[in-house]
Amino acid sequence: MADKVTPGPVTDDAELREAVCVHTDKIFDSCMARDCFEDLRVYLTEAGQQAVSSAGTVRARGAELLYVGSDIEPVQFNRGYYSVNLDYYYRVRGEAVTAGAPGVPFTGLAVWSKRVLLYGSEQSAKVFSSNGSIAELTEESLVKRTAPTCIVEAVEPIILDMKLVEPTAPPESEIVEVPASVAALFTSPLVTAADVRRVYCSLGQFSIVRLERASQLLMPVYDYCVPDKDCVSSYSDDACTLFGRIDFPVDEFFPPDTMSSGAETYRDAREATK
């Protein structure tokens, strides 16, 4: 009898049990984005706006990606392709600095929009599910019944720069409309007026955008995926016993000889902004 096949690379002598038809999301197209968003207006909370009103300068402390909104539209002149409109919402942290006084922390919202073109194929059949509800039936939902699904994966941004601009400077051409659900994540209302001292920041963002469609695919099956280890309860042992199971973090004590991957560079850049 052949050895049990586990998830991972499959050897040539592994025995196929059967071929099964599965329903899953198939990726039709994807792209990697390395974006540098420059001079984004940071819409401060009321407390933050008060802090920067008398500050001499501002200092960047970090940024957090809250949400990415996406909307797709078919490209009329190129069948199967879609224009993907993306809105990135960031919570930005900074510090208002005045000579001879401790810095005052503040938070605000920055928004960036971009557009990419991806292939999402075509589909005439409308998809309905028993998990859905007729209450969700709208004109917009009818249009999207045949459209692919946009998925965005993104790591936390790196804040690159922050500056303070006086009210006398020309305002930006457009004031962003903040969704209520995003505004609710801040401790007080956001100030969007143009006749105030304004904070701008620049962010670096790595992300992956892809278009998917639900598809039926024929897949080889080796066996059922049965767990091969027992569940461990954190309440069954004392704290020191649990600590003893953790591997010693050697890499945290000895610096690497070379920068072998981009992940290390990214981690160092993130830590430098804290």
Protein backbone atom coordinates (compact mmCIF):
# COMPACT_ATOMS: atom_id res chain seq x y z
CA MET A 1 0.00 0.00 0.00
CA ALA A 2 1.36 3.41 -0.94
CA ASP A 3 2.34 5.87 1.76
CA LYS A 4 -0.25 8.40 2.81
CA VAL A 5 -0.20 11.49 0.59
CA THR A 6 -0.11 14.79 2.48
CA PRO A 7 -0.64 18.33 1.20
CA GLY A 8 2.44 19.57 -0.63
CA PRO A 9 4.60 18.39 -3.55
CA VAL A 10 3.41 15.07 -5.00
CA THR A 11 5.80 12.28 -5.95
CA ASP A 12 5.40 10.28 -9.15
CA ASP A 13 4.49 7.11 -7.26
CA ALA A 14 1.49 8.69 -5.47
CA GLU A 15 -1.72 6.85 -6.26
CA LEU A 16 -4.68 8.79 -7.60
CA ARG A 17 -7.95 7.83 -5.90
CA GLU A 18 -10.35 9.51 -8.33
CA ALA A 19 -11.07 12.60 -10.42
CA VAL A 20 -13.69 14.92 -8.95
CA CYS A 21 -15.54 17.97 -10.23
CA VAL A 22 -15.13 20.90 -7.85
CA HIS A 23 -16.71 24.34 -7.83
CA THR A 24 -14.15 27.01 -7.07
CA ASP A 25 -12.96 30.48 -8.04
CA LYS A 26 -10.63 30.42 -11.04
CA ILE A 27 -8.17 33.30 -11.51
CA PHE A 28 -8.38 34.65 -15.06
CA ASP A 29 -5.91 37.52 -14.75
CA SER A 30 -3.84 39.25 -12.07
CA CYS A 31 -1.18 41.89 -11.67
CA MET A 32 1.33 43.06 -9.06
CA ALA A 33 1.41 46.75 -8.13
CA ARG A 34 4.28 48.67 -6.58
CA ASP A 35 2.72 52.11 -6.06
CA CYS A 36 4.11 55.30 -4.59
CA PHE A 37 1.24 57.63 -3.68
CA GLU A 38 2.59 61.17 -3.35
CA ASP A 39 1.09 64.18 -1.56
CA LEU A 40 -2.12 62.60 -0.30
CA ARG A 41 -4.28 64.94 1.78
CA VAL A 42 -4.66 63.62 5.31
CA TYR A 43 -8.13 64.50 6.59
CA LEU A 44 -7.50 64.96 10.30
CA THR A 45 -9.86 64.40 13.19
CA GLU A 46 -11.02 67.53 15.01
CA ALA A 47 -8.47 66.89 17.77
CA GLY A 48 -5.73 66.34 15.20
CA GLN A 49 -6.65 69.51 13.33
CA GLN A 50 -6.39 71.46 16.55
CA ALA A 51 -2.97 69.92 17.26
CA VAL A 52 -1.47 70.93 13.90
CA SER A 53 -3.02 74.43 13.95
CA SER A 54 -0.15 75.75 16.06
CA ALA A 55 2.55 73.17 15.30
CA GLY A 56 5.89 74.10 13.79
CA THR A 57 6.13 70.89 11.79
CA VAL A 58 4.73 67.37 11.58
CA ARG A 59 6.40 63.99 11.83
CA ALA A 60 5.20 60.70 10.28
CA ARG A 61 4.52 57.83 12.68
CA GLY A 62 2.88 55.16 10.52
CA ALA A 63 -0.05 54.19 8.31
CA GLU A 64 -2.62 51.40 8.20
CA LEU A 65 -4.65 50.19 5.23
CA LEU A 66 -8.30 50.12 6.30
CA TYR A 67 -10.12 49.06 3.15
CA VAL A 68 -9.86 48.81 -0.62
CA GLY A 69 -13.07 49.51 -2.51
CA SER A 70 -13.30 48.09 -6.02
CA ASP A 71 -15.64 48.54 -8.93
CA ILE A 72 -15.32 46.93 -12.36
CA GLU A 73 -16.64 48.01 -15.73
CA PRO A 74 -16.41 46.10 -19.03
CA VAL A 75 -14.16 47.65 -21.66
CA GLN A 76 -16.35 48.24 -24.70
CA PHE A 77 -13.61 48.11 -27.33
CA ASN A 78 -11.91 44.97 -25.98
CA ARG A 79 -14.20 42.05 -25.15
CA GLY A 80 -13.44 40.14 -21.99
CA TYR A 81 -11.39 42.96 -20.46
CA TYR A 82 -12.48 45.05 -17.48
CA SER A 83 -11.48 48.39 -16.06
CA VAL A 84 -10.94 47.93 -12.32
CA ASN A 85 -11.36 51.11 -10.26
CA LEU A 86 -9.74 50.90 -6.83
CA ASP A 87 -10.03 53.21 -3.81
CA TYR A 88 -7.48 52.73 -1.02
CA TYR A 89 -8.44 54.08 2.43
CA TYR A 90 -5.62 54.65 4.94
CA ARG A 91 -5.51 55.58 8.60
CA VAL A 92 -2.40 57.77 8.95
CA ARG A 93 -0.65 58.48 12.25
CA GLY A 94 1.57 61.49 12.82
CA GLU A 95 2.90 63.83 15.45
CA ALA A 96 2.54 67.61 15.66
CA VAL A 97 5.85 69.08 16.83
CA THR A 98 6.37 72.48 18.47
CA ALA A 99 9.75 73.70 19.69
CA GLY A 100 10.22 73.19 23.40
CA ALA A 101 7.11 71.02 23.82
CA PRO A 102 6.44 67.28 23.54
CA GLY A 103 4.94 66.06 20.28
CA VAL A 104 1.17 65.68 20.08
CA PRO A 105 -0.03 62.53 18.24
CA PHE A 106 -2.80 62.79 15.65
CA THR A 107 -4.60 60.53 13.19
CA GLY A 108 -6.35 61.14 9.90
CA LEU A 109 -7.65 59.59 6.72
CA ALA A 110 -5.87 59.48 3.35
CA VAL A 111 -7.51 58.18 0.17
CA TRP A 112 -5.93 57.16 -3.13
CA SER A 113 -7.67 56.02 -6.30
CA LYS A 114 -6.19 54.11 -9.22
CA ARG A 115 -7.33 52.08 -12.22
CA VAL A 116 -6.00 48.85 -13.76
CA LEU A 117 -7.01 46.84 -16.82
CA LEU A 118 -7.42 43.07 -16.46
CA TYR A 119 -8.88 40.18 -18.43
CA GLY A 120 -11.93 38.63 -16.78
CA SER A 121 -13.43 36.60 -19.67
CA GLU A 122 -17.12 36.65 -20.56
CA GLN A 123 -20.15 34.88 -19.19
CA SER A 124 -23.77 35.04 -20.30
CA ALA A 125 -25.30 32.84 -17.60
CA LYS A 126 -26.45 34.61 -14.44
CA VAL A 127 -25.48 32.95 -11.17
CA PHE A 128 -27.97 32.66 -8.29
CA SER A 129 -27.53 30.90 -4.95
CA SER A 130 -29.86 29.62 -2.26
CA ASN A 131 -27.73 31.62 0.19
CA GLY A 132 -28.88 34.83 -1.45
CA SER A 133 -31.99 36.85 -0.68
CA ILE A 134 -34.54 38.51 -2.94
CA ALA A 135 -34.05 41.60 -0.78
CA GLU A 136 -30.64 41.95 -2.46
CA LEU A 137 -32.23 42.27 -5.89
CA THR A 138 -31.39 45.65 -7.41
CA GLU A 139 -30.64 46.97 -10.88
CA GLU A 140 -26.95 47.05 -9.94
CA SER A 141 -26.96 43.44 -8.74
CA LEU A 142 -28.53 42.31 -12.03
CA VAL A 143 -25.69 43.90 -13.98
CA LYS A 144 -23.04 42.25 -11.79
CA ARG A 145 -24.54 38.76 -12.12
CA THR A 146 -22.33 38.11 -15.17
CA ALA A 147 -19.26 40.09 -14.08
CA PRO A 148 -16.11 38.60 -12.54
CA THR A 149 -15.12 39.24 -8.93
CA CYS A 150 -12.24 41.57 -8.08
CA ILE A 151 -9.90 40.52 -5.25
CA VAL A 152 -7.21 42.80 -3.83
CA GLU A 153 -4.41 41.55 -1.58
CA ALA A 154 -2.24 44.20 0.05
CA VAL A 155 0.37 44.49 2.78
CA GLU A 156 0.48 47.41 5.18
CA PRO A 157 1.84 50.58 3.54
CA ILE A 158 5.17 52.26 4.21
CA ILE A 159 4.86 55.97 5.03
CA LEU A 160 7.56 57.83 3.13
CA ASP A 161 7.01 61.50 3.87
CA MET A 162 4.74 63.95 5.66
CA LYS A 163 4.50 67.73 5.41
CA LEU A 164 2.45 70.64 6.70
CA VAL A 165 0.85 73.12 4.26
CA GLU A 166 -0.47 76.55 5.18
CA PRO A 167 -4.10 77.59 4.45
CA THR A 168 -2.82 80.16 1.93
CA ALA A 169 -1.66 77.39 -0.40
CA PRO A 170 -4.05 76.48 -3.24
CA PRO A 171 -6.42 73.70 -2.10
CA GLU A 172 -6.63 70.37 -3.84
CA SER A 173 -9.00 70.22 -6.80
CA GLU A 174 -11.38 67.75 -5.20
CA ILE A 175 -12.53 67.06 -1.64
CA VAL A 176 -13.00 63.35 -1.11
CA GLU A 177 -16.37 61.99 0.03
CA VAL A 178 -15.74 59.80 3.05
CA PRO A 179 -17.99 56.72 3.42
CA ALA A 180 -19.81 56.64 6.75
CA SER A 181 -18.38 53.22 7.64
CA VAL A 182 -14.84 54.52 7.19
CA ALA A 183 -15.47 57.75 9.11
CA ALA A 184 -16.87 55.68 12.00
CA LEU A 185 -13.41 54.16 12.56
CA PHE A 186 -12.09 57.50 13.81
CA THR A 187 -12.62 58.90 17.29
CA SER A 188 -14.13 62.19 16.09
CA PRO A 189 -15.43 63.72 12.85
CA LEU A 190 -12.92 64.34 10.05
CA VAL A 191 -12.16 67.90 8.97
CA THR A 192 -12.41 68.25 5.16
CA ALA A 193 -12.38 72.06 4.91
CA ALA A 194 -9.81 73.64 2.59
CA ASP A 195 -9.19 76.85 4.58
CA VAL A 196 -7.19 75.13 7.35
CA ARG A 197 -3.59 74.01 7.80
CA ARG A 198 -3.37 70.78 5.84
CA VAL A 199 -1.22 67.69 6.26
CA TYR A 200 0.00 65.71 3.24
CA CYS A 201 1.76 62.37 3.16
CA SER A 202 3.39 60.00 0.68
CA LEU A 203 2.89 56.23 0.93
CA GLY A 204 4.45 53.15 -0.62
CA GLN A 205 2.05 50.27 -1.29
CA PHE A 206 2.55 46.69 -2.52
CA SER A 207 -0.59 44.89 -3.69
CA ILE A 208 -1.92 42.17 -5.99
CA VAL A 209 -5.14 42.62 -7.97
CA ARG A 210 -6.92 39.73 -9.65
CA LEU A 211 -10.18 38.88 -11.40
CA GLU A 212 -11.91 35.59 -10.58
CA ARG A 213 -14.96 33.68 -11.77
CA ALA A 214 -16.75 30.74 -10.20
CA SER A 215 -15.88 27.69 -12.31
CA GLN A 216 -16.32 23.93 -12.31
CA LEU A 217 -12.92 22.23 -12.60
CA LEU A 218 -11.91 18.57 -12.82
CA MET A 219 -9.29 17.86 -10.16
CA PRO A 220 -7.29 14.74 -9.21
CA VAL A 221 -7.95 13.43 -5.70
CA TYR A 222 -5.53 11.28 -3.73
CA ASP A 223 -7.51 10.84 -0.53
CA TYR A 224 -9.56 12.70 2.05
CA CYS A 225 -7.62 15.36 3.93
CA VAL A 226 -7.69 13.98 7.48
CA PRO A 227 -5.86 15.93 10.26
CA ASP A 228 -2.79 14.06 11.52
CA LYS A 229 -2.28 15.81 14.88
CA ASP A 230 -4.26 16.27 18.07
CA CYS A 231 -5.72 19.60 19.14
CA VAL A 232 -3.76 21.25 21.97
CA SER A 233 -5.69 23.28 24.51
CA SER A 234 -3.95 26.32 25.93
CA TYR A 235 -5.74 25.68 29.22
CA SER A 236 -4.34 22.18 29.74
CA ASP A 237 -0.80 23.27 30.66
CA ASP A 238 0.76 25.98 32.75
CA ALA A 239 2.29 29.06 31.12
CA CYS A 240 5.90 27.86 31.43
CA THR A 241 5.09 24.54 29.75
CA LEU A 242 3.52 26.38 26.83
CA PHE A 243 6.51 28.73 26.65
CA GLY A 244 8.82 25.73 26.51
CA ARG A 245 7.20 24.60 23.24
CA ILE A 246 8.16 27.80 21.43
CA ASP A 247 11.31 27.55 19.30
CA PHE A 248 14.15 29.82 20.29
CA PRO A 249 14.12 32.91 17.99
CA VAL A 250 17.71 32.64 16.77
CA ASP A 251 17.17 35.00 13.84
CA GLU A 252 16.16 37.80 16.20
CA PHE A 253 19.56 37.71 17.93
CA PHE A 254 21.93 37.22 14.99
CA PRO A 255 21.72 39.53 11.94
CA PRO A 256 21.59 37.85 8.54
CA ASP A 257 24.77 37.72 6.44
CA THR A 258 22.92 38.92 3.31
CA MET A 259 19.59 40.49 2.47
CA SER A 260 18.29 37.39 0.75
CA SER A 261 14.67 38.46 0.21
CA GLY A 262 12.49 41.48 -0.32
CA ALA A 263 10.46 40.52 2.74
CA GLU A 264 13.35 41.45 5.05
CA THR A 265 13.80 44.79 3.35
CA TYR A 266 10.09 45.48 3.71
CA ARG A 267 10.11 44.56 7.40
CA ASP A 268 13.06 46.85 8.08
CA ALA A 269 11.37 49.72 6.26
CA ARG A 270 8.15 49.20 8.24
CA GLU A 271 10.00 49.13 11.55
CA ALA A 272 11.91 52.29 10.68
CA THR A 273 8.68 54.28 10.48
CA LYS A 274 7.43 53.32 13.94
